[in-house]
Amino acid sequence: MARKEIASAAPTFPPYGPLSADLAWAVQRQRVGTPFLLKSGEQATAQQFAAFLDAVSAEYAQVLWPRWEAGGWVGAAAAGVLDLTLADLDLYAGSLKGKLVAAVGADALSAITHKKLFVFDDQMPADKMFASLDPYLATMEAEPLAALKASMTKALRSVLGAPPLRLKVAHQRPRPYQASFILGRTDFGFEEAKSSMTPALPSGHALQGLFAACGGYLDQRAELEKVAGAIPALQQYGVDMGDRRTFAGVHYPSDNLASWYLALRLCDHCFGVVGQDAKRFMVAAIECSTVFMAMKAAAAAGGAYQLPVAWLEREMHRPADTPEP
């Protein structure tokens, strides 16, 4: 089916559907990110944390993807779901095609590919947390590298569980393989992922990768500065974790954009007096993301990415100590 014919048919996308029992329980717990501080410096209550997530969700529904309420899509973004989905699938089949088998790390001839690390990231057992970081920091000594991974794991306490899951439940975006089937796209293929049994938006891996890398940087900055190129390598890793999920067809490019926006907003609440340092790190990381660069190039030509990219860039340039949207 030609793109023009698809657009005229204007299909209605169904919601992804319910979560597994374990994930549904995690959402119902309404756990508060630790730390998640108010501007007063006090730890937020569950209600205040929920209000923050609701505010982010309201922005998603205006700019990216609508909420699923009472059996229908709600929000200004509902008018653009087809255009955004087509833009995402076009990018996957275009400039992002073949990226999954590209090599990673400082050695361009490395046999370690994004596809191999995609498997590590997908399973990520507790005893091998961030195993996919090793080729990025191959010149770092074992002890400081282990300390960095420990700091990254600690940082995840703020974003594991409730934040991405509650937004996923609210927005119910079907996964790319579902949308491509509905649209009759024959140019779409995807990898099996054990951790993809949830709605697509936002991407949990994109959020966790960027947030963990940032937390590790803030905690281990002195050690990282001793290793040439370590900080840019960590920033690249922070976005590659999410980018790989897009290369694999598990997520849409715009799912990553949603995650980066949430991570940037969390800088106001999770890093205290170094919130602006955290934001600088995240912005530099996002700017070296292959997926972000592809979306930005597409936005420059017009189309569905213009508003989301501009929205993200406004947040990238907003200092952490100024009023939130």
C-alpha atoms as a PDB file:
ATOM      1  CA  MET A   1       0.000   0.000   0.000  1.00  0.00           C
ATOM      2  CA  ALA A   2       1.413   3.381  -0.962  1.00  0.00           C
ATOM      3  CA  ARG A   3       2.027   5.998   1.680  1.00  0.00           C
ATOM      4  CA  LYS A   4      -0.626   8.306   0.156  1.00  0.00           C
ATOM      5  CA  GLU A   5      -3.200   5.514   0.311  1.00  0.00           C
ATOM      6  CA  ILE A   6      -2.285   4.734   3.916  1.00  0.00           C
ATOM      7  CA  ALA A   7      -2.676   8.372   4.890  1.00  0.00           C
ATOM      8  CA  SER A   8      -6.101   8.614   3.264  1.00  0.00           C
ATOM      9  CA  ALA A   9      -7.246   5.449   5.036  1.00  0.00           C
ATOM     10  CA  ALA A  10      -6.264   7.034   8.406  1.00  0.00           C
ATOM     11  CA  PRO A  11      -6.200   3.833  10.476  1.00  0.00           C
ATOM     12  CA  THR A  12      -7.018   3.982  14.155  1.00  0.00           C
ATOM     13  CA  PHE A  13      -4.240   2.457  16.234  1.00  0.00           C
ATOM     14  CA  PRO A  14      -5.372   0.197  19.060  1.00  0.00           C
ATOM     15  CA  PRO A  15      -3.863   0.528  22.560  1.00  0.00           C
ATOM     16  CA  TYR A  16      -1.033  -1.838  23.415  1.00  0.00           C
ATOM     17  CA  GLY A  17      -3.062  -3.524  26.152  1.00  0.00           C
ATOM     18  CA  PRO A  18      -2.618  -4.591  29.789  1.00  0.00           C
ATOM     19  CA  LEU A  19       0.673  -5.221  31.578  1.00  0.00           C
ATOM     20  CA  SER A  20       1.746  -8.520  33.094  1.00  0.00           C
ATOM     21  CA  ALA A  21       0.719  -9.120  36.700  1.00  0.00           C
ATOM     22  CA  ASP A  22       4.183  -8.279  38.071  1.00  0.00           C
ATOM     23  CA  LEU A  23       4.498  -5.036  36.108  1.00  0.00           C
ATOM     24  CA  ALA A  24       0.939  -3.997  36.942  1.00  0.00           C
ATOM     25  CA  TRP A  25       1.771  -4.476  40.624  1.00  0.00           C
ATOM     26  CA  ALA A  26       4.865  -2.275  40.232  1.00  0.00           C
ATOM     27  CA  VAL A  27       2.691   0.522  38.812  1.00  0.00           C
ATOM     28  CA  GLN A  28       0.095   0.181  41.567  1.00  0.00           C
ATOM     29  CA  ARG A  29       2.778   0.500  44.260  1.00  0.00           C
ATOM     30  CA  GLN A  30       3.221   4.165  43.261  1.00  0.00           C
ATOM     31  CA  ARG A  31       6.821   4.085  44.438  1.00  0.00           C
ATOM     32  CA  VAL A  32       8.470   7.503  44.604  1.00  0.00           C
ATOM     33  CA  GLY A  33      11.837   7.994  42.918  1.00  0.00           C
ATOM     34  CA  THR A  34      14.702   8.170  45.438  1.00  0.00           C
ATOM     35  CA  PRO A  35      15.669  10.891  45.662  1.00  0.00           C
ATOM     36  CA  PHE A  36      12.922  12.971  44.099  1.00  0.00           C
ATOM     37  CA  LEU A  37      13.115  16.382  45.710  1.00  0.00           C
ATOM     38  CA  LEU A  38      10.779  19.339  45.610  1.00  0.00           C
ATOM     39  CA  LYS A  39      12.181  22.840  45.099  1.00  0.00           C
ATOM     40  CA  SER A  40      12.063  23.213  48.883  1.00  0.00           C
ATOM     41  CA  GLY A  41      14.578  20.373  49.154  1.00  0.00           C
ATOM     42  CA  GLU A  42      12.073  18.000  50.753  1.00  0.00           C
ATOM     43  CA  GLN A  43      11.482  14.482  49.471  1.00  0.00           C
ATOM     44  CA  ALA A  44       8.267  14.369  47.450  1.00  0.00           C
ATOM     45  CA  THR A  45       5.254  12.362  48.555  1.00  0.00           C
ATOM     46  CA  ALA A  46       3.690   9.735  46.307  1.00  0.00           C
ATOM     47  CA  GLN A  47       0.989  12.243  45.376  1.00  0.00           C
ATOM     48  CA  GLN A  48       3.505  14.944  44.465  1.00  0.00           C
ATOM     49  CA  PHE A  49       5.544  12.490  42.411  1.00  0.00           C
ATOM     50  CA  ALA A  50       2.381  11.389  40.616  1.00  0.00           C
ATOM     51  CA  ALA A  51       1.551  15.024  39.871  1.00  0.00           C
ATOM     52  CA  PHE A  52       4.978  15.464  38.247  1.00  0.00           C
ATOM     53  CA  LEU A  53       4.446  12.414  36.040  1.00  0.00           C
ATOM     54  CA  ASP A  54       0.950  13.613  35.148  1.00  0.00           C
ATOM     55  CA  ALA A  55       2.404  16.964  34.045  1.00  0.00           C
ATOM     56  CA  VAL A  56       4.928  15.209  31.795  1.00  0.00           C
ATOM     57  CA  SER A  57       2.159  12.979  30.459  1.00  0.00           C
ATOM     58  CA  ALA A  58       0.049  16.033  29.613  1.00  0.00           C
ATOM     59  CA  GLU A  59       2.943  17.387  27.535  1.00  0.00           C
ATOM     60  CA  TYR A  60       3.351  14.053  25.756  1.00  0.00           C
ATOM     61  CA  ALA A  61      -0.354  14.160  24.888  1.00  0.00           C
ATOM     62  CA  GLN A  62       0.069  17.583  23.305  1.00  0.00           C
ATOM     63  CA  VAL A  63       3.307  16.995  21.416  1.00  0.00           C
ATOM     64  CA  LEU A  64       4.057  13.294  20.969  1.00  0.00           C
ATOM     65  CA  TRP A  65       1.394  10.702  21.639  1.00  0.00           C
ATOM     66  CA  PRO A  66      -2.106  10.979  23.181  1.00  0.00           C
ATOM     67  CA  ARG A  67      -3.334   9.325  26.343  1.00  0.00           C
ATOM     68  CA  TRP A  68      -5.701   6.360  26.225  1.00  0.00           C
ATOM     69  CA  GLU A  69      -8.803   7.237  28.230  1.00  0.00           C
ATOM     70  CA  ALA A  70     -12.296   5.738  28.255  1.00  0.00           C
ATOM     71  CA  GLY A  71     -11.623   3.712  25.146  1.00  0.00           C
ATOM     72  CA  GLY A  72     -10.188   6.488  23.001  1.00  0.00           C
ATOM     73  CA  TRP A  73      -7.129   8.647  22.314  1.00  0.00           C
ATOM     74  CA  VAL A  74      -7.151  11.994  24.132  1.00  0.00           C
ATOM     75  CA  GLY A  75      -4.925  15.028  23.496  1.00  0.00           C
ATOM     76  CA  ALA A  76      -3.855  17.269  20.630  1.00  0.00           C
ATOM     77  CA  ALA A  77      -1.244  14.687  19.587  1.00  0.00           C
ATOM     78  CA  ALA A  78      -4.093  12.349  18.570  1.00  0.00           C
ATOM     79  CA  ALA A  79      -4.355  14.242  15.292  1.00  0.00           C
ATOM     80  CA  GLY A  80      -0.768  13.373  14.414  1.00  0.00           C
ATOM     81  CA  VAL A  81      -0.416   9.709  15.419  1.00  0.00           C
ATOM     82  CA  LEU A  82      -0.396   8.461  11.837  1.00  0.00           C
ATOM     83  CA  ASP A  83       2.115  11.030  10.609  1.00  0.00           C
ATOM     84  CA  LEU A  84       4.433  10.420  13.574  1.00  0.00           C
ATOM     85  CA  THR A  85       4.213   6.646  13.175  1.00  0.00           C
ATOM     86  CA  LEU A  86       4.971   6.862   9.456  1.00  0.00           C
ATOM     87  CA  ALA A  87       7.891   9.211  10.128  1.00  0.00           C
ATOM     88  CA  ASP A  88       9.263   6.784  12.728  1.00  0.00           C
ATOM     89  CA  LEU A  89       8.938   3.762  10.445  1.00  0.00           C
ATOM     90  CA  ASP A  90      10.412   5.691   7.509  1.00  0.00           C
ATOM     91  CA  LEU A  91      13.452   6.625   9.611  1.00  0.00           C
ATOM     92  CA  TYR A  92      13.868   3.007  10.689  1.00  0.00           C
ATOM     93  CA  ALA A  93      13.801   1.851   7.073  1.00  0.00           C
ATOM     94  CA  GLY A  94      15.980   4.763   5.939  1.00  0.00           C
ATOM     95  CA  SER A  95      18.944   6.332   7.718  1.00  0.00           C
ATOM     96  CA  LEU A  96      18.802   3.932  10.695  1.00  0.00           C
ATOM     97  CA  LYS A  97      18.743   0.799   8.583  1.00  0.00           C
ATOM     98  CA  GLY A  98      21.683  -1.512   9.246  1.00  0.00           C
ATOM     99  CA  LYS A  99      22.880   0.346  12.354  1.00  0.00           C
ATOM    100  CA  LEU A 100      22.257  -2.662  14.604  1.00  0.00           C
ATOM    101  CA  VAL A 101      25.168  -4.585  13.080  1.00  0.00           C
ATOM    102  CA  ALA A 102      27.608  -1.653  13.313  1.00  0.00           C
ATOM    103  CA  ALA A 103      30.618  -1.981  15.622  1.00  0.00           C
ATOM    104  CA  VAL A 104      30.790  -0.064  18.891  1.00  0.00           C
ATOM    105  CA  GLY A 105      33.587   1.168  21.107  1.00  0.00           C
ATOM    106  CA  ALA A 106      36.773   3.072  20.404  1.00  0.00           C
ATOM    107  CA  ASP A 107      38.004   0.456  17.912  1.00  0.00           C
ATOM    108  CA  ALA A 108      36.057   0.850  14.677  1.00  0.00           C
ATOM    109  CA  LEU A 109      37.143  -2.659  13.677  1.00  0.00           C
ATOM    110  CA  SER A 110      35.797  -4.190  16.876  1.00  0.00           C
ATOM    111  CA  ALA A 111      33.783  -7.386  16.516  1.00  0.00           C
ATOM    112  CA  ILE A 112      31.425  -6.128  19.222  1.00  0.00           C
ATOM    113  CA  THR A 113      28.294  -4.858  17.529  1.00  0.00           C
ATOM    114  CA  HIS A 114      25.200  -3.045  18.727  1.00  0.00           C
ATOM    115  CA  LYS A 115      23.295  -6.280  18.115  1.00  0.00           C
ATOM    116  CA  LYS A 116      25.475  -8.165  20.594  1.00  0.00           C
ATOM    117  CA  LEU A 117      25.096  -5.445  23.207  1.00  0.00           C
ATOM    118  CA  PHE A 118      21.359  -5.257  22.513  1.00  0.00           C
ATOM    119  CA  VAL A 119      21.141  -8.788  23.921  1.00  0.00           C
ATOM    120  CA  PHE A 120      23.144  -7.796  27.032  1.00  0.00           C
ATOM    121  CA  ASP A 121      20.944  -4.749  27.570  1.00  0.00           C
ATOM    122  CA  ASP A 122      17.743  -6.729  27.058  1.00  0.00           C
ATOM    123  CA  GLN A 123      18.525  -9.340  29.686  1.00  0.00           C
ATOM    124  CA  MET A 124      20.792  -7.316  32.023  1.00  0.00           C
ATOM    125  CA  PRO A 125      21.024  -9.733  34.993  1.00  0.00           C
ATOM    126  CA  ALA A 126      21.809  -8.115  38.331  1.00  0.00           C
ATOM    127  CA  ASP A 127      25.281  -9.668  38.523  1.00  0.00           C
ATOM    128  CA  LYS A 128      26.213  -8.283  35.089  1.00  0.00           C
ATOM    129  CA  MET A 129      24.555  -4.888  35.252  1.00  0.00           C
ATOM    130  CA  PHE A 130      25.944  -2.605  32.531  1.00  0.00           C
ATOM    131  CA  ALA A 131      28.127  -5.340  31.007  1.00  0.00           C
ATOM    132  CA  SER A 132      27.613  -3.549  27.695  1.00  0.00           C
ATOM    133  CA  LEU A 133      29.643  -0.600  29.039  1.00  0.00           C
ATOM    134  CA  ASP A 134      32.957  -2.480  28.842  1.00  0.00           C
ATOM    135  CA  PRO A 135      33.839  -1.871  25.158  1.00  0.00           C
ATOM    136  CA  TYR A 136      33.189   1.847  25.578  1.00  0.00           C
ATOM    137  CA  LEU A 137      35.678   2.151  28.454  1.00  0.00           C
ATOM    138  CA  ALA A 138      38.131  -0.547  27.438  1.00  0.00           C
ATOM    139  CA  THR A 139      41.110   1.481  28.727  1.00  0.00           C
ATOM    140  CA  MET A 140      39.673   2.035  32.199  1.00  0.00           C
ATOM    141  CA  GLU A 141      41.095  -0.066  35.021  1.00  0.00           C
ATOM    142  CA  ALA A 142      38.884  -2.802  36.448  1.00  0.00           C
ATOM    143  CA  GLU A 143      38.432  -1.286  39.920  1.00  0.00           C
ATOM    144  CA  PRO A 144      37.296   2.226  38.899  1.00  0.00           C
ATOM    145  CA  LEU A 145      35.133   0.686  36.161  1.00  0.00           C
ATOM    146  CA  ALA A 146      33.404  -1.492  38.760  1.00  0.00           C
ATOM    147  CA  ALA A 147      32.890   1.572  40.978  1.00  0.00           C
ATOM    148  CA  LEU A 148      31.382   3.436  38.029  1.00  0.00           C
ATOM    149  CA  LYS A 149      28.937   0.608  37.355  1.00  0.00           C
ATOM    150  CA  ALA A 150      27.961   0.572  41.036  1.00  0.00           C
ATOM    151  CA  SER A 151      27.250   4.319  40.902  1.00  0.00           C
ATOM    152  CA  MET A 152      25.180   3.849  37.748  1.00  0.00           C
ATOM    153  CA  THR A 153      23.139   1.098  39.379  1.00  0.00           C
ATOM    154  CA  LYS A 154      22.537   3.330  42.393  1.00  0.00           C
ATOM    155  CA  ALA A 155      21.301   6.130  40.128  1.00  0.00           C
ATOM    156  CA  LEU A 156      18.616   3.865  38.689  1.00  0.00           C
ATOM    157  CA  ARG A 157      16.686   3.963  41.962  1.00  0.00           C
ATOM    158  CA  SER A 158      15.102   7.186  40.714  1.00  0.00           C
ATOM    159  CA  VAL A 159      13.805   5.846  37.419  1.00  0.00           C
ATOM    160  CA  LEU A 160      13.272   2.095  37.699  1.00  0.00           C
ATOM    161  CA  GLY A 161       9.703   0.876  37.886  1.00  0.00           C
ATOM    162  CA  ALA A 162       7.069   3.510  38.444  1.00  0.00           C
ATOM    163  CA  PRO A 163       8.096   6.502  36.260  1.00  0.00           C
ATOM    164  CA  PRO A 164       8.356   4.868  32.815  1.00  0.00           C
ATOM    165  CA  LEU A 165       5.709   2.228  33.540  1.00  0.00           C
ATOM    166  CA  ARG A 166       3.067   4.727  34.640  1.00  0.00           C
ATOM    167  CA  LEU A 167       3.644   6.773  31.503  1.00  0.00           C
ATOM    168  CA  LYS A 168       3.541   3.643  29.358  1.00  0.00           C
ATOM    169  CA  VAL A 169       0.190   2.650  30.863  1.00  0.00           C
ATOM    170  CA  ALA A 170      -1.229   6.137  30.342  1.00  0.00           C
ATOM    171  CA  HIS A 171      -0.166   6.418  26.692  1.00  0.00           C
ATOM    172  CA  GLN A 172      -0.601   2.803  25.545  1.00  0.00           C
ATOM    173  CA  ARG A 173       1.437   3.267  22.375  1.00  0.00           C
ATOM    174  CA  PRO A 174       1.521   0.013  20.394  1.00  0.00           C
ATOM    175  CA  ARG A 175       4.951  -1.368  19.567  1.00  0.00           C
ATOM    176  CA  PRO A 176       6.447  -0.764  16.103  1.00  0.00           C
ATOM    177  CA  TYR A 177       5.783  -4.329  14.951  1.00  0.00           C
ATOM    178  CA  GLN A 178       2.087  -3.836  15.734  1.00  0.00           C
ATOM    179  CA  ALA A 179       1.865  -0.530  13.868  1.00  0.00           C
ATOM    180  CA  SER A 180       3.838  -1.833  10.887  1.00  0.00           C
ATOM    181  CA  PHE A 181       1.458  -4.793  10.610  1.00  0.00           C
ATOM    182  CA  ILE A 182      -1.585  -2.509  10.708  1.00  0.00           C
ATOM    183  CA  LEU A 183      -0.043  -0.267   8.044  1.00  0.00           C
ATOM    184  CA  GLY A 184       1.029  -3.129   5.825  1.00  0.00           C
ATOM    185  CA  ARG A 185       4.690  -2.179   5.956  1.00  0.00           C
ATOM    186  CA  THR A 186       6.852  -4.883   4.413  1.00  0.00           C
ATOM    187  CA  ASP A 187      10.106  -2.998   5.045  1.00  0.00           C
ATOM    188  CA  PHE A 188      10.001  -3.548   8.806  1.00  0.00           C
ATOM    189  CA  GLY A 189      11.795  -6.282  10.718  1.00  0.00           C
ATOM    190  CA  PHE A 190      12.496  -6.489  14.432  1.00  0.00           C
ATOM    191  CA  GLU A 191      14.541  -8.422  16.953  1.00  0.00           C
ATOM    192  CA  GLU A 192      13.124 -10.499  19.767  1.00  0.00           C
ATOM    193  CA  ALA A 193      13.367  -8.676  23.098  1.00  0.00           C
ATOM    194  CA  LYS A 194      12.384 -10.191  26.421  1.00  0.00           C
ATOM    195  CA  SER A 195      11.955  -6.755  27.991  1.00  0.00           C
ATOM    196  CA  SER A 196       9.517  -5.411  25.398  1.00  0.00           C
ATOM    197  CA  MET A 197       6.261  -6.671  26.897  1.00  0.00           C
ATOM    198  CA  THR A 198       5.000  -3.164  27.632  1.00  0.00           C
ATOM    199  CA  PRO A 199       3.628  -0.200  25.667  1.00  0.00           C
ATOM    200  CA  ALA A 200       6.296   1.554  23.605  1.00  0.00           C
ATOM    201  CA  LEU A 201       6.383   5.138  24.901  1.00  0.00           C
ATOM    202  CA  PRO A 202       8.587   6.098  26.654  1.00  0.00           C
ATOM    203  CA  SER A 203      11.549   3.764  26.174  1.00  0.00           C
ATOM    204  CA  GLY A 204      12.674   2.406  29.535  1.00  0.00           C
ATOM    205  CA  HIS A 205      16.146   1.560  28.210  1.00  0.00           C
ATOM    206  CA  ALA A 206      16.648   5.041  26.732  1.00  0.00           C
ATOM    207  CA  LEU A 207      15.665   6.616  30.056  1.00  0.00           C
ATOM    208  CA  GLN A 208      17.709   4.245  32.196  1.00  0.00           C
ATOM    209  CA  GLY A 209      20.787   4.390  29.970  1.00  0.00           C
ATOM    210  CA  LEU A 210      20.991   8.174  29.983  1.00  0.00           C
ATOM    211  CA  PHE A 211      20.062   8.543  33.643  1.00  0.00           C
ATOM    212  CA  ALA A 212      22.467   5.855  34.844  1.00  0.00           C
ATOM    213  CA  ALA A 213      25.346   7.248  32.795  1.00  0.00           C
ATOM    214  CA  CYS A 214      24.684  10.697  34.235  1.00  0.00           C
ATOM    215  CA  GLY A 215      24.537   9.410  37.807  1.00  0.00           C
ATOM    216  CA  GLY A 216      27.773   7.495  37.296  1.00  0.00           C
ATOM    217  CA  TYR A 217      29.458  10.573  35.877  1.00  0.00           C
ATOM    218  CA  LEU A 218      28.455  12.780  38.799  1.00  0.00           C
ATOM    219  CA  ASP A 219      29.589  10.217  41.366  1.00  0.00           C
ATOM    220  CA  GLN A 220      32.844   9.173  39.650  1.00  0.00           C
ATOM    221  CA  ARG A 221      33.796  12.363  37.827  1.00  0.00           C
ATOM    222  CA  ALA A 222      37.293  12.546  39.308  1.00  0.00           C
ATOM    223  CA  GLU A 223      38.188   9.021  38.173  1.00  0.00           C
ATOM    224  CA  LEU A 224      36.670   9.511  34.721  1.00  0.00           C
ATOM    225  CA  GLU A 225      38.701  12.671  34.173  1.00  0.00           C
ATOM    226  CA  LYS A 226      41.892  10.617  34.591  1.00  0.00           C
ATOM    227  CA  VAL A 227      41.080   8.487  31.521  1.00  0.00           C
ATOM    228  CA  ALA A 228      41.345  10.153  28.122  1.00  0.00           C
ATOM    229  CA  GLY A 229      38.003  10.197  26.341  1.00  0.00           C
ATOM    230  CA  ALA A 230      36.154   8.451  29.163  1.00  0.00           C
ATOM    231  CA  ILE A 231      33.454  11.089  29.666  1.00  0.00           C
ATOM    232  CA  PRO A 232      32.443  11.328  25.964  1.00  0.00           C
ATOM    233  CA  ALA A 233      32.504   7.514  25.806  1.00  0.00           C
ATOM    234  CA  LEU A 234      30.163   7.315  28.808  1.00  0.00           C
ATOM    235  CA  GLN A 235      27.854   9.869  27.195  1.00  0.00           C
ATOM    236  CA  GLN A 236      27.795   7.825  24.004  1.00  0.00           C
ATOM    237  CA  TYR A 237      26.967   4.730  26.005  1.00  0.00           C
ATOM    238  CA  GLY A 238      24.164   6.598  27.771  1.00  0.00           C
ATOM    239  CA  VAL A 239      22.298   7.164  24.498  1.00  0.00           C
ATOM    240  CA  ASP A 240      23.415   4.033  22.668  1.00  0.00           C
ATOM    241  CA  MET A 241      21.494   1.825  25.091  1.00  0.00           C
ATOM    242  CA  GLY A 242      18.254   3.392  23.889  1.00  0.00           C
ATOM    243  CA  ASP A 243      19.390   3.811  20.290  1.00  0.00           C
ATOM    244  CA  ARG A 244      20.057   0.084  20.015  1.00  0.00           C
ATOM    245  CA  ARG A 245      16.435  -0.616  20.878  1.00  0.00           C
ATOM    246  CA  THR A 246      15.412   1.584  17.949  1.00  0.00           C
ATOM    247  CA  PHE A 247      17.953  -0.026  15.605  1.00  0.00           C
ATOM    248  CA  ALA A 248      16.412  -3.389  16.582  1.00  0.00           C
ATOM    249  CA  GLY A 249      12.870  -2.254  15.772  1.00  0.00           C
ATOM    250  CA  VAL A 250      11.760  -2.642  19.383  1.00  0.00           C
ATOM    251  CA  HIS A 251      11.108   1.096  19.819  1.00  0.00           C
ATOM    252  CA  TYR A 252      10.243   4.053  17.630  1.00  0.00           C
ATOM    253  CA  PRO A 253      12.769   6.913  17.419  1.00  0.00           C
ATOM    254  CA  SER A 254      10.235   9.212  19.084  1.00  0.00           C
ATOM    255  CA  ASP A 255      10.040   6.848  22.089  1.00  0.00           C
ATOM    256  CA  ASN A 256      13.666   7.768  22.788  1.00  0.00           C
ATOM    257  CA  LEU A 257      12.830  11.451  22.462  1.00  0.00           C
ATOM    258  CA  ALA A 258      10.107  11.028  25.092  1.00  0.00           C
ATOM    259  CA  SER A 259      12.597   9.342  27.432  1.00  0.00           C
ATOM    260  CA  TRP A 260      15.249  12.022  27.010  1.00  0.00           C
ATOM    261  CA  TYR A 261      12.689  14.716  27.761  1.00  0.00           C
ATOM    262  CA  LEU A 262      11.704  12.952  30.985  1.00  0.00           C
ATOM    263  CA  ALA A 263      15.364  12.487  31.974  1.00  0.00           C
ATOM    264  CA  LEU A 264      16.054  16.193  31.441  1.00  0.00           C
ATOM    265  CA  ARG A 265      13.039  17.156  33.537  1.00  0.00           C
ATOM    266  CA  LEU A 266      14.229  14.844  36.310  1.00  0.00           C
ATOM    267  CA  CYS A 267      17.428  16.901  36.583  1.00  0.00           C
ATOM    268  CA  ASP A 268      15.360  19.476  38.485  1.00  0.00           C
ATOM    269  CA  HIS A 269      14.552  16.926  41.178  1.00  0.00           C
ATOM    270  CA  CYS A 270      17.068  14.104  41.427  1.00  0.00           C
ATOM    271  CA  PHE A 271      20.544  15.657  41.509  1.00  0.00           C
ATOM    272  CA  GLY A 272      20.264  18.463  44.039  1.00  0.00           C
ATOM    273  CA  VAL A 273      22.772  21.310  43.661  1.00  0.00           C
ATOM    274  CA  VAL A 274      24.488  19.598  40.714  1.00  0.00           C
ATOM    275  CA  GLY A 275      21.293  19.440  38.666  1.00  0.00           C
ATOM    276  CA  GLN A 276      22.718  21.756  36.016  1.00  0.00           C
ATOM    277  CA  ASP A 277      25.886  19.646  35.760  1.00  0.00           C
ATOM    278  CA  ALA A 278      23.638  16.630  35.231  1.00  0.00           C
ATOM    279  CA  LYS A 279      21.732  18.433  32.525  1.00  0.00           C
ATOM    280  CA  ARG A 280      24.906  19.486  30.697  1.00  0.00           C
ATOM    281  CA  PHE A 281      26.048  15.878  30.667  1.00  0.00           C
ATOM    282  CA  MET A 282      22.695  14.680  29.335  1.00  0.00           C
ATOM    283  CA  VAL A 283      22.504  17.351  26.638  1.00  0.00           C
ATOM    284  CA  ALA A 284      25.977  16.479  25.355  1.00  0.00           C
ATOM    285  CA  ALA A 285      24.978  12.812  25.306  1.00  0.00           C
ATOM    286  CA  ILE A 286      21.724  13.418  23.419  1.00  0.00           C
ATOM    287  CA  GLU A 287      23.547  15.498  20.832  1.00  0.00           C
ATOM    288  CA  CYS A 288      25.767  12.505  19.955  1.00  0.00           C
ATOM    289  CA  SER A 289      22.836  10.092  19.640  1.00  0.00           C
ATOM    290  CA  THR A 290      22.473   8.579  16.175  1.00  0.00           C
ATOM    291  CA  VAL A 291      18.697   8.520  16.596  1.00  0.00           C
ATOM    292  CA  PHE A 292      18.544  12.156  17.689  1.00  0.00           C
ATOM    293  CA  MET A 293      20.706  13.296  14.777  1.00  0.00           C
ATOM    294  CA  ALA A 294      18.462  11.392  12.351  1.00  0.00           C
ATOM    295  CA  MET A 295      15.299  12.945  13.810  1.00  0.00           C
ATOM    296  CA  LYS A 296      16.850  16.407  13.785  1.00  0.00           C
ATOM    297  CA  ALA A 297      17.818  16.055  10.107  1.00  0.00           C
ATOM    298  CA  ALA A 298      14.290  14.900   9.286  1.00  0.00           C
ATOM    299  CA  ALA A 299      12.799  17.804  11.264  1.00  0.00           C
ATOM    300  CA  ALA A 300      14.862  20.293   9.255  1.00  0.00           C
ATOM    301  CA  ALA A 301      13.086  19.048   6.144  1.00  0.00           C
ATOM    302  CA  GLY A 302       9.656  19.553   7.723  1.00  0.00           C
ATOM    303  CA  GLY A 303       7.099  16.996   8.785  1.00  0.00           C
ATOM    304  CA  ALA A 304       6.106  15.169  11.945  1.00  0.00           C
ATOM    305  CA  TYR A 305       9.388  15.613  13.838  1.00  0.00           C
ATOM    306  CA  GLN A 306       9.457  19.406  13.753  1.00  0.00           C
ATOM    307  CA  LEU A 307       7.355  20.008  16.865  1.00  0.00           C
ATOM    308  CA  PRO A 308       8.776  17.158  19.016  1.00  0.00           C
ATOM    309  CA  VAL A 309      12.404  18.034  18.221  1.00  0.00           C
ATOM    310  CA  ALA A 310      11.820  21.736  18.941  1.00  0.00           C
ATOM    311  CA  TRP A 311      10.066  20.788  22.196  1.00  0.00           C
ATOM    312  CA  LEU A 312      12.994  18.618  23.290  1.00  0.00           C
ATOM    313  CA  GLU A 313      15.566  21.250  22.342  1.00  0.00           C
ATOM    314  CA  ARG A 314      13.763  23.899  24.402  1.00  0.00           C
ATOM    315  CA  GLU A 315      14.119  21.640  27.424  1.00  0.00           C
ATOM    316  CA  MET A 316      17.760  20.919  26.562  1.00  0.00           C
ATOM    317  CA  HIS A 317      18.487  24.663  26.685  1.00  0.00           C
ATOM    318  CA  ARG A 318      16.430  25.424  29.815  1.00  0.00           C
ATOM    319  CA  PRO A 319      18.725  25.698  32.863  1.00  0.00           C
ATOM    320  CA  ALA A 320      17.821  23.270  35.629  1.00  0.00           C
ATOM    321  CA  ASP A 321      17.366  26.098  38.113  1.00  0.00           C
ATOM    322  CA  THR A 322      14.650  27.911  36.131  1.00  0.00           C
ATOM    323  CA  PRO A 323      10.885  27.200  36.381  1.00  0.00           C
ATOM    324  CA  GLU A 324       9.723  23.985  34.768  1.00  0.00           C
ATOM    325  CA  PRO A 325       7.081  24.038  32.018  1.00  0.00           C
END
